[in-house]
Amino acid sequence: MNSSYRIIECAPPVDDFCRLRQIAGLSPRPREAVVKALPRSCFALQVLHADRVVGMGRVVGDGVMNLEIVDIAVDPAHQRQGLGRQIMTHSVDWLDRNAAEGAYVTLMADVPELYSLFGFAPVAPHSEGMARVWGKN
């Protein structure tokens, strides 16, 4: 990551969060839900380039025992600059300071190679991940 980027440890503004999810290819989230969700993050960060949000990430959960890394997104125009790695480094540093020994930290990965650099691995066959998009049975 070059010096034209800076990381701020706080959630991005709602509109930037929604924009980054869209342009990074993540599923959209309803704006009214984002307004409620962002302040409830255990940890959040944004990456700025010329005062524009170009990357973000969050840790959610109870803050100690059950946590999930979510919303890792980088503007496609700024990918391949090491931003995803920096977002993960800051997130893992926060987890090192706050998660209890034995805490269960999960994530869903579109690009598993990045996350394996930080010690994340598939849980099968010991466990099997499951999900449900609420309101869609």
Protein backbone atom coordinates (compact mmCIF):
# COMPACT_ATOMS: atom_id res chain seq x y z
CA MET A 1 0.00 0.00 0.00
CA ASN A 2 1.56 3.28 -1.04
CA SER A 3 1.45 6.52 0.93
CA SER A 4 -1.40 8.00 -1.14
CA TYR A 5 -3.75 5.77 0.89
CA ARG A 6 -4.65 6.17 4.53
CA ILE A 7 -6.60 3.96 6.87
CA ILE A 8 -9.06 5.33 9.39
CA GLU A 9 -10.45 2.98 12.02
CA CYS A 10 -14.13 3.86 11.82
CA ALA A 11 -17.03 2.76 9.65
CA PRO A 12 -17.37 4.47 6.29
CA PRO A 13 -20.33 6.76 5.68
CA VAL A 14 -23.51 4.90 4.71
CA ASP A 15 -23.48 6.03 1.08
CA ASP A 16 -19.82 5.02 0.65
CA PHE A 17 -20.54 1.63 2.24
CA CYS A 18 -23.41 1.00 -0.19
CA ARG A 19 -21.38 2.25 -3.19
CA LEU A 20 -18.34 0.11 -2.35
CA ARG A 21 -20.44 -3.03 -1.93
CA GLN A 22 -21.99 -2.44 -5.33
CA ILE A 23 -18.84 -1.67 -7.31
CA ALA A 24 -16.86 -4.44 -5.59
CA GLY A 25 -19.47 -7.00 -6.64
CA LEU A 26 -20.92 -7.70 -3.19
CA SER A 27 -24.64 -8.11 -2.71
CA PRO A 28 -26.48 -4.85 -2.06
CA ARG A 29 -27.79 -4.05 1.40
CA PRO A 30 -30.87 -1.90 2.14
CA ARG A 31 -29.75 1.61 3.09
CA GLU A 32 -32.06 1.72 6.12
CA ALA A 33 -30.44 -1.46 7.46
CA VAL A 34 -26.92 -0.11 6.83
CA VAL A 35 -27.78 3.00 8.88
CA LYS A 36 -28.58 0.74 11.86
CA ALA A 37 -25.81 -1.81 11.31
CA LEU A 38 -22.67 0.29 10.92
CA PRO A 39 -22.71 1.78 14.45
CA ARG A 40 -23.09 -1.74 15.87
CA SER A 41 -19.78 -2.91 14.38
CA CYS A 42 -17.22 -4.22 16.86
CA PHE A 43 -14.52 -2.82 14.59
CA ALA A 44 -14.62 -1.03 11.27
CA LEU A 45 -12.20 0.72 9.00
CA GLN A 46 -12.13 2.61 5.77
CA VAL A 47 -9.33 3.22 3.30
CA LEU A 48 -9.16 6.71 1.82
CA HIS A 49 -7.49 7.90 -1.36
CA ALA A 50 -7.66 11.67 -1.95
CA ASP A 51 -10.42 11.80 0.70
CA ARG A 52 -12.57 9.26 -1.19
CA VAL A 53 -13.45 5.93 0.45
CA VAL A 54 -11.92 3.19 -1.71
CA GLY A 55 -11.85 0.28 0.74
CA MET A 56 -13.51 -0.97 3.90
CA GLY A 57 -13.91 -3.85 6.30
CA ARG A 58 -15.73 -4.70 9.52
CA VAL A 59 -15.74 -7.16 12.39
CA VAL A 60 -19.16 -7.91 13.87
CA GLY A 61 -20.40 -10.16 16.66
CA ASP A 62 -20.35 -10.10 20.44
CA GLY A 63 -16.86 -8.60 20.53
CA VAL A 64 -15.20 -11.41 22.47
CA MET A 65 -16.20 -15.02 21.69
CA ASN A 66 -18.10 -15.08 18.39
CA LEU A 67 -16.96 -12.75 15.66
CA GLU A 68 -17.21 -12.48 11.90
CA ILE A 69 -15.13 -10.55 9.41
CA VAL A 70 -17.49 -8.95 6.89
CA ASP A 71 -17.81 -6.29 4.21
CA ILE A 72 -14.23 -6.51 2.96
CA ALA A 73 -14.44 -4.46 -0.23
CA VAL A 74 -12.00 -2.52 -2.40
CA ASP A 75 -12.93 -0.24 -5.28
CA PRO A 76 -11.89 -2.13 -8.47
CA ALA A 77 -9.91 0.93 -9.61
CA HIS A 78 -7.73 0.52 -6.50
CA GLN A 79 -7.35 -3.25 -6.38
CA ARG A 80 -3.93 -4.90 -6.65
CA GLN A 81 -2.44 -2.23 -4.37
CA GLY A 82 -2.35 -4.39 -1.23
CA LEU A 83 -5.43 -2.73 0.25
CA GLY A 84 -7.27 -5.99 0.98
CA ARG A 85 -4.21 -7.26 2.81
CA GLN A 86 -4.02 -4.04 4.86
CA ILE A 87 -7.72 -4.23 5.71
CA MET A 88 -7.22 -7.80 6.92
CA THR A 89 -4.04 -6.89 8.84
CA HIS A 90 -5.87 -4.16 10.77
CA SER A 91 -8.86 -6.45 11.37
CA VAL A 92 -6.67 -9.30 12.66
CA ASP A 93 -4.72 -6.86 14.85
CA TRP A 94 -8.02 -5.77 16.42
CA LEU A 95 -8.98 -9.40 16.93
CA ASP A 96 -5.59 -10.12 18.55
CA ARG A 97 -6.28 -7.35 21.07
CA ASN A 98 -9.95 -8.13 21.75
CA ALA A 99 -10.96 -11.72 20.98
CA ALA A 100 -10.77 -14.20 23.86
CA GLU A 101 -8.58 -17.26 23.58
CA GLY A 102 -10.70 -19.88 21.83
CA ALA A 103 -12.95 -17.29 20.17
CA TYR A 104 -14.58 -18.47 16.96
CA VAL A 105 -13.90 -16.04 14.11
CA THR A 106 -15.62 -16.72 10.80
CA LEU A 107 -15.82 -15.22 7.33
CA MET A 108 -17.29 -16.00 3.96
CA ALA A 109 -14.72 -15.74 1.18
CA ASP A 110 -15.08 -14.97 -2.50
CA VAL A 111 -11.27 -14.97 -2.78
CA PRO A 112 -10.07 -17.53 -0.22
CA GLU A 113 -6.39 -17.07 -1.11
CA LEU A 114 -6.27 -13.69 0.64
CA TYR A 115 -7.78 -15.01 3.85
CA SER A 116 -5.58 -18.09 4.00
CA LEU A 117 -2.62 -15.70 4.39
CA PHE A 118 -4.12 -14.79 7.77
CA GLY A 119 -4.67 -18.36 8.96
CA PHE A 120 -8.25 -18.86 7.82
CA ALA A 121 -9.06 -22.26 6.39
CA PRO A 122 -12.14 -24.23 5.35
CA VAL A 123 -13.77 -25.91 8.34
CA ALA A 124 -15.02 -29.04 6.53
CA PRO A 125 -15.19 -31.90 7.35
CA HIS A 126 -15.26 -30.96 11.07
CA SER A 127 -18.02 -28.41 10.59
CA GLU A 128 -20.17 -27.26 7.72
CA GLY A 129 -21.00 -23.62 7.09
CA MET A 130 -24.62 -22.73 6.59
CA ALA A 131 -26.45 -19.51 5.78
CA ARG A 132 -29.93 -18.16 5.29
CA VAL A 133 -30.81 -14.82 3.74
CA TRP A 134 -33.51 -13.55 6.08
CA GLY A 135 -36.92 -13.05 4.56
CA LYS A 136 -36.14 -15.50 1.75
CA ASN A 137 -37.12 -18.98 2.81
